Amino acid sequence: MMERSICLRLICLGIGYVFGLFQTAYFYGKAHGIDIRQYGSGNSGTTNALRVLGTRAGLIVLLGDCLKCILAVVIVRLLFGSAHHDIIYLLCLYAGAGAVLGHNFPFYMGFRGGKGIAATAGLILSFHPYFIIMGVIVFFGVFFTTHLVSLGSLLVYACFVVEMVICGQMGVFGEMPQAQLYEMYAVSIFLAVMAYWRHRENIKRLIKGNERKTYLFKKNKVDLEPAAEPEKKAEER
């Protein structure tokens, strides 16, 4: 029984990872004649695509990275929703975690992908309506007042963990056993810790007050400048 339970979780994680491998920013950049990893911050994600290729590119990449996580969660719901309705939220969380891991660590790109924020947005949008409200208010509230994508993203993750625990203890996820609720909290914390780790250089710049601002409808100062040297790029990622 235990082996079957572990296998089920690994299947959901694997489904998510496969979808997460679709690197929207990388493929969009290639379609426009550039390797996005060679410009700006060198990151294969929404923010760098926005800065390097413009608002349209940023929105397309955001949509693509959100959709891959949403599709993974939807497929898990369809496959296991009826047979495992009591833990379906946990299985969906594993699918979302897999998508974030696939986005951050794509094997065919040397395990060097993005930072997982847009993929996490897809998880939030497909997980539960309560999380959508929280995500939208926190991220866009912070972004439109500070224009700091990293700050908004990090605060969303902190709120995600807190809301996961509150909703779990209030019974929002149905009659899920307490052990599985604790497992959900652990997965959520793991995702948050990974996000904070991958944003460690952003956090340093936020503390120093020199984090770069990003604008949707105003030209960002990149102009296809080459990415930083490999050592520096590794830090920024």
C-alpha atoms as a PDB file:
ATOM      1  CA  MET A   1       0.000   0.000   0.000  1.00  0.00           C
ATOM      2  CA  MET A   2       2.828   2.385   0.911  1.00  0.00           C
ATOM      3  CA  GLU A   3       4.709   1.612  -2.325  1.00  0.00           C
ATOM      4  CA  ARG A   4       1.558   2.267  -4.344  1.00  0.00           C
ATOM      5  CA  SER A   5       1.056   5.603  -2.584  1.00  0.00           C
ATOM      6  CA  ILE A   6       4.641   6.684  -3.262  1.00  0.00           C
ATOM      7  CA  CYS A   7       4.352   5.583  -6.889  1.00  0.00           C
ATOM      8  CA  LEU A   8       1.203   7.682  -7.287  1.00  0.00           C
ATOM      9  CA  ARG A   9       2.982  10.770  -6.016  1.00  0.00           C
ATOM     10  CA  LEU A  10       5.970  10.142  -8.281  1.00  0.00           C
ATOM     11  CA  ILE A  11       3.652   9.787 -11.287  1.00  0.00           C
ATOM     12  CA  CYS A  12       2.063  13.161 -10.532  1.00  0.00           C
ATOM     13  CA  LEU A  13       5.478  14.706  -9.994  1.00  0.00           C
ATOM     14  CA  GLY A  14       6.667  13.212 -13.288  1.00  0.00           C
ATOM     15  CA  ILE A  15       3.643  14.504 -15.209  1.00  0.00           C
ATOM     16  CA  GLY A  16       4.370  17.975 -13.911  1.00  0.00           C
ATOM     17  CA  TYR A  17       8.074  17.738 -14.718  1.00  0.00           C
ATOM     18  CA  VAL A  18       7.381  16.748 -18.339  1.00  0.00           C
ATOM     19  CA  PHE A  19       5.111  19.767 -18.828  1.00  0.00           C
ATOM     20  CA  GLY A  20       7.583  22.008 -17.027  1.00  0.00           C
ATOM     21  CA  LEU A  21      10.263  21.132 -19.573  1.00  0.00           C
ATOM     22  CA  PHE A  22       8.623  23.395 -22.153  1.00  0.00           C
ATOM     23  CA  GLN A  23      10.841  26.472 -21.822  1.00  0.00           C
ATOM     24  CA  THR A  24       8.591  29.163 -23.275  1.00  0.00           C
ATOM     25  CA  ALA A  25      11.147  31.988 -23.084  1.00  0.00           C
ATOM     26  CA  TYR A  26      13.871  29.891 -24.695  1.00  0.00           C
ATOM     27  CA  PHE A  27      11.684  28.748 -27.594  1.00  0.00           C
ATOM     28  CA  TYR A  28      10.189  32.199 -28.094  1.00  0.00           C
ATOM     29  CA  GLY A  29      13.664  33.688 -28.202  1.00  0.00           C
ATOM     30  CA  LYS A  30      14.848  31.074 -30.698  1.00  0.00           C
ATOM     31  CA  ALA A  31      11.848  31.857 -32.898  1.00  0.00           C
ATOM     32  CA  HIS A  32      13.071  35.465 -32.953  1.00  0.00           C
ATOM     33  CA  GLY A  33      16.688  34.603 -33.649  1.00  0.00           C
ATOM     34  CA  ILE A  34      18.228  34.842 -30.175  1.00  0.00           C
ATOM     35  CA  ASP A  35      19.100  32.618 -27.252  1.00  0.00           C
ATOM     36  CA  ILE A  36      17.430  34.394 -24.319  1.00  0.00           C
ATOM     37  CA  ARG A  37      20.097  32.934 -22.024  1.00  0.00           C
ATOM     38  CA  GLN A  38      22.731  35.061 -23.726  1.00  0.00           C
ATOM     39  CA  TYR A  39      21.047  38.391 -22.962  1.00  0.00           C
ATOM     40  CA  GLY A  40      19.931  40.431 -19.990  1.00  0.00           C
ATOM     41  CA  SER A  41      20.218  38.399 -16.786  1.00  0.00           C
ATOM     42  CA  GLY A  42      20.711  35.173 -18.729  1.00  0.00           C
ATOM     43  CA  ASN A  43      17.586  33.761 -17.096  1.00  0.00           C
ATOM     44  CA  SER A  44      15.107  31.742 -19.167  1.00  0.00           C
ATOM     45  CA  GLY A  45      11.988  33.235 -17.650  1.00  0.00           C
ATOM     46  CA  THR A  46       9.225  35.797 -17.977  1.00  0.00           C
ATOM     47  CA  THR A  47      10.999  38.814 -16.486  1.00  0.00           C
ATOM     48  CA  ASN A  48      14.091  38.488 -18.669  1.00  0.00           C
ATOM     49  CA  ALA A  49      11.925  37.932 -21.758  1.00  0.00           C
ATOM     50  CA  LEU A  50       9.993  41.098 -20.898  1.00  0.00           C
ATOM     51  CA  ARG A  51      13.150  43.138 -20.462  1.00  0.00           C
ATOM     52  CA  VAL A  52      14.959  41.777 -23.517  1.00  0.00           C
ATOM     53  CA  LEU A  53      12.153  41.244 -26.037  1.00  0.00           C
ATOM     54  CA  GLY A  54       9.407  43.569 -24.822  1.00  0.00           C
ATOM     55  CA  THR A  55       5.962  43.504 -23.251  1.00  0.00           C
ATOM     56  CA  ARG A  56       4.380  41.218 -25.839  1.00  0.00           C
ATOM     57  CA  ALA A  57       7.118  38.635 -25.387  1.00  0.00           C
ATOM     58  CA  GLY A  58       6.849  38.856 -21.611  1.00  0.00           C
ATOM     59  CA  LEU A  59       3.096  38.286 -21.663  1.00  0.00           C
ATOM     60  CA  ILE A  60       3.391  35.361 -24.088  1.00  0.00           C
ATOM     61  CA  VAL A  61       6.083  33.733 -21.964  1.00  0.00           C
ATOM     62  CA  LEU A  62       4.038  34.321 -18.811  1.00  0.00           C
ATOM     63  CA  LEU A  63       1.009  32.692 -20.448  1.00  0.00           C
ATOM     64  CA  GLY A  64       3.003  29.738 -21.713  1.00  0.00           C
ATOM     65  CA  ASP A  65       4.709  29.070 -18.397  1.00  0.00           C
ATOM     66  CA  CYS A  66       1.406  29.363 -16.535  1.00  0.00           C
ATOM     67  CA  LEU A  67      -0.392  27.060 -18.956  1.00  0.00           C
ATOM     68  CA  LYS A  68       2.124  24.236 -18.692  1.00  0.00           C
ATOM     69  CA  CYS A  69       1.522  24.010 -14.953  1.00  0.00           C
ATOM     70  CA  ILE A  70      -2.241  24.387 -15.331  1.00  0.00           C
ATOM     71  CA  LEU A  71      -2.328  21.556 -17.884  1.00  0.00           C
ATOM     72  CA  ALA A  72      -0.320  19.288 -15.588  1.00  0.00           C
ATOM     73  CA  VAL A  73      -2.727  19.921 -12.705  1.00  0.00           C
ATOM     74  CA  VAL A  74      -5.802  19.446 -14.911  1.00  0.00           C
ATOM     75  CA  ILE A  75      -4.494  16.124 -16.231  1.00  0.00           C
ATOM     76  CA  VAL A  76      -3.838  14.873 -12.708  1.00  0.00           C
ATOM     77  CA  ARG A  77      -7.358  15.864 -11.686  1.00  0.00           C
ATOM     78  CA  LEU A  78      -8.803  13.985 -14.666  1.00  0.00           C
ATOM     79  CA  LEU A  79      -6.678  10.887 -14.083  1.00  0.00           C
ATOM     80  CA  PHE A  80      -6.971  10.562 -10.319  1.00  0.00           C
ATOM     81  CA  GLY A  81      -9.827  12.830  -9.214  1.00  0.00           C
ATOM     82  CA  SER A  82     -12.464  10.122  -8.881  1.00  0.00           C
ATOM     83  CA  ALA A  83     -10.325   7.319  -7.472  1.00  0.00           C
ATOM     84  CA  HIS A  84      -8.366   9.518  -5.050  1.00  0.00           C
ATOM     85  CA  HIS A  85     -10.739  12.384  -4.348  1.00  0.00           C
ATOM     86  CA  ASP A  86      -9.688  12.526  -0.691  1.00  0.00           C
ATOM     87  CA  ILE A  87      -6.083  13.473  -1.553  1.00  0.00           C
ATOM     88  CA  ILE A  88      -6.552  15.057  -4.970  1.00  0.00           C
ATOM     89  CA  TYR A  89      -5.306  18.443  -3.749  1.00  0.00           C
ATOM     90  CA  LEU A  90      -2.101  16.797  -2.578  1.00  0.00           C
ATOM     91  CA  LEU A  91      -1.647  15.058  -5.945  1.00  0.00           C
ATOM     92  CA  CYS A  92      -2.294  18.338  -7.790  1.00  0.00           C
ATOM     93  CA  LEU A  93       0.306  20.005  -5.607  1.00  0.00           C
ATOM     94  CA  TYR A  94       2.822  17.339  -6.607  1.00  0.00           C
ATOM     95  CA  ALA A  95       1.984  17.959 -10.255  1.00  0.00           C
ATOM     96  CA  GLY A  96       2.518  21.686  -9.773  1.00  0.00           C
ATOM     97  CA  ALA A  97       5.785  21.061  -7.926  1.00  0.00           C
ATOM     98  CA  GLY A  98       6.924  18.856 -10.801  1.00  0.00           C
ATOM     99  CA  ALA A  99       6.158  21.612 -13.309  1.00  0.00           C
ATOM    100  CA  VAL A 100       8.177  24.112 -11.293  1.00  0.00           C
ATOM    101  CA  LEU A 101      11.087  21.662 -11.072  1.00  0.00           C
ATOM    102  CA  GLY A 102      10.902  21.012 -14.811  1.00  0.00           C
ATOM    103  CA  HIS A 103      10.930  24.735 -15.477  1.00  0.00           C
ATOM    104  CA  ASN A 104      13.822  25.408 -13.108  1.00  0.00           C
ATOM    105  CA  PHE A 105      15.897  22.339 -13.954  1.00  0.00           C
ATOM    106  CA  PRO A 106      15.283  21.170 -17.559  1.00  0.00           C
ATOM    107  CA  PHE A 107      17.621  18.241 -18.215  1.00  0.00           C
ATOM    108  CA  TYR A 108      18.134  19.103 -21.895  1.00  0.00           C
ATOM    109  CA  MET A 109      19.381  22.593 -20.988  1.00  0.00           C
ATOM    110  CA  GLY A 110      21.925  21.416 -18.459  1.00  0.00           C
ATOM    111  CA  PHE A 111      19.377  21.838 -15.631  1.00  0.00           C
ATOM    112  CA  ARG A 112      19.554  25.620 -16.070  1.00  0.00           C
ATOM    113  CA  GLY A 113      16.079  27.055 -16.521  1.00  0.00           C
ATOM    114  CA  GLY A 114      14.072  29.843 -14.939  1.00  0.00           C
ATOM    115  CA  LYS A 115      13.152  30.664 -11.372  1.00  0.00           C
ATOM    116  CA  GLY A 116       9.699  29.091 -11.422  1.00  0.00           C
ATOM    117  CA  ILE A 117       7.508  32.068 -10.588  1.00  0.00           C
ATOM    118  CA  ALA A 118       5.306  31.991 -13.697  1.00  0.00           C
ATOM    119  CA  ALA A 119       4.934  28.220 -13.344  1.00  0.00           C
ATOM    120  CA  THR A 120       3.933  28.758  -9.718  1.00  0.00           C
ATOM    121  CA  ALA A 121       1.360  31.287 -10.902  1.00  0.00           C
ATOM    122  CA  GLY A 122      -0.130  28.464 -12.974  1.00  0.00           C
ATOM    123  CA  LEU A 123      -0.264  26.284  -9.873  1.00  0.00           C
ATOM    124  CA  ILE A 124      -2.020  29.012  -7.915  1.00  0.00           C
ATOM    125  CA  LEU A 125      -4.536  29.607 -10.711  1.00  0.00           C
ATOM    126  CA  SER A 126      -5.426  25.916 -10.999  1.00  0.00           C
ATOM    127  CA  PHE A 127      -5.221  24.849  -7.351  1.00  0.00           C
ATOM    128  CA  HIS A 128      -8.100  26.573  -5.548  1.00  0.00           C
ATOM    129  CA  PRO A 129     -10.074  29.825  -6.086  1.00  0.00           C
ATOM    130  CA  TYR A 130      -8.976  31.197  -2.709  1.00  0.00           C
ATOM    131  CA  PHE A 131      -5.356  31.127  -3.852  1.00  0.00           C
ATOM    132  CA  ILE A 132      -6.151  33.079  -7.012  1.00  0.00           C
ATOM    133  CA  ILE A 133      -7.516  35.994  -4.999  1.00  0.00           C
ATOM    134  CA  MET A 134      -4.471  36.021  -2.755  1.00  0.00           C
ATOM    135  CA  GLY A 135      -1.992  35.743  -5.612  1.00  0.00           C
ATOM    136  CA  VAL A 136      -3.503  38.507  -7.711  1.00  0.00           C
ATOM    137  CA  ILE A 137      -3.862  40.984  -4.847  1.00  0.00           C
ATOM    138  CA  VAL A 138      -0.381  40.407  -3.412  1.00  0.00           C
ATOM    139  CA  PHE A 139       1.624  40.250  -6.626  1.00  0.00           C
ATOM    140  CA  PHE A 140      -0.011  43.027  -8.592  1.00  0.00           C
ATOM    141  CA  GLY A 141      -0.415  45.179  -5.507  1.00  0.00           C
ATOM    142  CA  VAL A 142       3.334  45.007  -4.908  1.00  0.00           C
ATOM    143  CA  PHE A 143       4.311  45.165  -8.577  1.00  0.00           C
ATOM    144  CA  PHE A 144       2.288  48.230  -9.525  1.00  0.00           C
ATOM    145  CA  THR A 145       3.430  50.145  -6.446  1.00  0.00           C
ATOM    146  CA  THR A 146       7.132  49.191  -6.524  1.00  0.00           C
ATOM    147  CA  HIS A 147       7.724  47.666 -10.008  1.00  0.00           C
ATOM    148  CA  LEU A 148       9.817  45.009  -8.271  1.00  0.00           C
ATOM    149  CA  VAL A 149       8.941  41.618  -9.728  1.00  0.00           C
ATOM    150  CA  SER A 150      11.172  39.760  -7.295  1.00  0.00           C
ATOM    151  CA  LEU A 151       9.571  41.350  -4.226  1.00  0.00           C
ATOM    152  CA  GLY A 152       6.062  40.569  -5.441  1.00  0.00           C
ATOM    153  CA  SER A 153       7.047  36.996  -6.289  1.00  0.00           C
ATOM    154  CA  LEU A 154       8.674  36.338  -2.932  1.00  0.00           C
ATOM    155  CA  LEU A 155       5.726  37.760  -1.016  1.00  0.00           C
ATOM    156  CA  VAL A 156       3.329  35.602  -3.036  1.00  0.00           C
ATOM    157  CA  TYR A 157       5.305  32.517  -2.042  1.00  0.00           C
ATOM    158  CA  ALA A 158       5.254  33.488   1.629  1.00  0.00           C
ATOM    159  CA  CYS A 159       1.493  34.046   1.457  1.00  0.00           C
ATOM    160  CA  PHE A 160       1.079  30.772  -0.470  1.00  0.00           C
ATOM    161  CA  VAL A 161       2.573  28.778   2.396  1.00  0.00           C
ATOM    162  CA  VAL A 162       0.576  30.631   5.034  1.00  0.00           C
ATOM    163  CA  GLU A 163      -2.686  30.247   3.128  1.00  0.00           C
ATOM    164  CA  MET A 164      -1.988  26.561   2.479  1.00  0.00           C
ATOM    165  CA  VAL A 165      -1.736  25.937   6.218  1.00  0.00           C
ATOM    166  CA  ILE A 166      -4.783  28.067   7.065  1.00  0.00           C
ATOM    167  CA  CYS A 167      -6.973  26.471   4.388  1.00  0.00           C
ATOM    168  CA  GLY A 168      -5.794  22.999   5.332  1.00  0.00           C
ATOM    169  CA  GLN A 169      -6.601  23.442   9.004  1.00  0.00           C
ATOM    170  CA  MET A 170      -9.978  24.991   8.166  1.00  0.00           C
ATOM    171  CA  GLY A 171     -11.015  21.993   6.062  1.00  0.00           C
ATOM    172  CA  VAL A 172     -11.019  23.795   2.710  1.00  0.00           C
ATOM    173  CA  PHE A 173      -9.427  20.740   1.059  1.00  0.00           C
ATOM    174  CA  GLY A 174     -12.142  18.375   2.217  1.00  0.00           C
ATOM    175  CA  GLU A 175     -11.729  15.466   4.604  1.00  0.00           C
ATOM    176  CA  MET A 176      -8.036  14.984   3.929  1.00  0.00           C
ATOM    177  CA  PRO A 177      -6.182  13.086   6.683  1.00  0.00           C
ATOM    178  CA  GLN A 178      -3.946  15.259   8.840  1.00  0.00           C
ATOM    179  CA  ALA A 179      -0.835  13.369   7.740  1.00  0.00           C
ATOM    180  CA  GLN A 180      -1.501  14.302   4.113  1.00  0.00           C
ATOM    181  CA  LEU A 181      -2.163  17.895   5.122  1.00  0.00           C
ATOM    182  CA  TYR A 182       1.248  18.015   6.775  1.00  0.00           C
ATOM    183  CA  GLU A 183       2.671  16.587   3.566  1.00  0.00           C
ATOM    184  CA  MET A 184       1.060  19.419   1.602  1.00  0.00           C
ATOM    185  CA  TYR A 185       2.565  21.958   3.951  1.00  0.00           C
ATOM    186  CA  ALA A 186       5.986  20.340   3.531  1.00  0.00           C
ATOM    187  CA  VAL A 187       5.760  20.449  -0.287  1.00  0.00           C
ATOM    188  CA  SER A 188       4.643  24.085  -0.154  1.00  0.00           C
ATOM    189  CA  ILE A 189       7.525  25.014   2.132  1.00  0.00           C
ATOM    190  CA  PHE A 190       9.951  23.170  -0.163  1.00  0.00           C
ATOM    191  CA  LEU A 191       8.729  25.196  -3.155  1.00  0.00           C
ATOM    192  CA  ALA A 192       9.024  28.437  -1.193  1.00  0.00           C
ATOM    193  CA  VAL A 193      12.544  27.641   0.027  1.00  0.00           C
ATOM    194  CA  MET A 194      13.599  26.777  -3.531  1.00  0.00           C
ATOM    195  CA  ALA A 195      12.143  30.045  -4.830  1.00  0.00           C
ATOM    196  CA  TYR A 196      13.926  32.077  -2.151  1.00  0.00           C
ATOM    197  CA  TRP A 197      17.183  30.257  -2.871  1.00  0.00           C
ATOM    198  CA  ARG A 198      16.940  30.943  -6.595  1.00  0.00           C
ATOM    199  CA  HIS A 199      16.186  34.586  -5.790  1.00  0.00           C
ATOM    200  CA  ARG A 200      19.048  34.905  -3.304  1.00  0.00           C
ATOM    201  CA  GLU A 201      20.885  37.510  -5.404  1.00  0.00           C
ATOM    202  CA  ASN A 202      17.623  39.440  -5.850  1.00  0.00           C
ATOM    203  CA  ILE A 203      17.154  39.375  -2.084  1.00  0.00           C
ATOM    204  CA  LYS A 204      20.631  40.822  -1.589  1.00  0.00           C
ATOM    205  CA  ARG A 205      19.838  43.628  -4.027  1.00  0.00           C
ATOM    206  CA  LEU A 206      16.472  44.267  -2.362  1.00  0.00           C
ATOM    207  CA  ILE A 207      18.217  44.646   0.987  1.00  0.00           C
ATOM    208  CA  LYS A 208      20.761  47.036  -0.550  1.00  0.00           C
ATOM    209  CA  GLY A 209      18.002  48.956  -2.329  1.00  0.00           C
ATOM    210  CA  ASN A 210      19.389  48.483  -5.843  1.00  0.00           C
ATOM    211  CA  GLU A 211      17.102  45.776  -7.222  1.00  0.00           C
ATOM    212  CA  ARG A 212      16.189  46.424 -10.840  1.00  0.00           C
ATOM    213  CA  LYS A 213      12.668  47.632 -11.576  1.00  0.00           C
ATOM    214  CA  THR A 214      10.519  46.258 -14.396  1.00  0.00           C
ATOM    215  CA  TYR A 215       7.767  48.036 -16.332  1.00  0.00           C
ATOM    216  CA  LEU A 216       4.962  46.627 -18.454  1.00  0.00           C
ATOM    217  CA  PHE A 217       4.203  49.641 -20.607  1.00  0.00           C
ATOM    218  CA  LYS A 218       7.497  51.450 -20.430  1.00  0.00           C
ATOM    219  CA  LYS A 219      10.713  50.461 -22.187  1.00  0.00           C
ATOM    220  CA  ASN A 220      13.035  48.470 -19.949  1.00  0.00           C
ATOM    221  CA  LYS A 221      16.701  49.337 -20.237  1.00  0.00           C
ATOM    222  CA  VAL A 222      18.209  46.199 -21.740  1.00  0.00           C
ATOM    223  CA  ASP A 223      18.372  46.656 -25.522  1.00  0.00           C
ATOM    224  CA  LEU A 224      19.716  43.156 -26.150  1.00  0.00           C
ATOM    225  CA  GLU A 225      22.820  43.695 -24.054  1.00  0.00           C
ATOM    226  CA  PRO A 226      24.877  40.509 -23.577  1.00  0.00           C
ATOM    227  CA  ALA A 227      24.341  38.575 -20.397  1.00  0.00           C
ATOM    228  CA  ALA A 228      26.800  38.785 -17.543  1.00  0.00           C
ATOM    229  CA  GLU A 229      29.910  36.638 -17.404  1.00  0.00           C
ATOM    230  CA  PRO A 230      29.191  32.968 -16.509  1.00  0.00           C
ATOM    231  CA  GLU A 231      30.272  33.370 -12.890  1.00  0.00           C
ATOM    232  CA  LYS A 232      28.112  36.438 -12.381  1.00  0.00           C
ATOM    233  CA  LYS A 233      25.241  34.958 -14.359  1.00  0.00           C
ATOM    234  CA  ALA A 234      25.227  31.905 -12.117  1.00  0.00           C
ATOM    235  CA  GLU A 235      24.771  34.185  -9.124  1.00  0.00           C
ATOM    236  CA  GLU A 236      21.924  36.128 -10.743  1.00  0.00           C
ATOM    237  CA  ARG A 237      20.000  33.032 -11.673  1.00  0.00           C
END
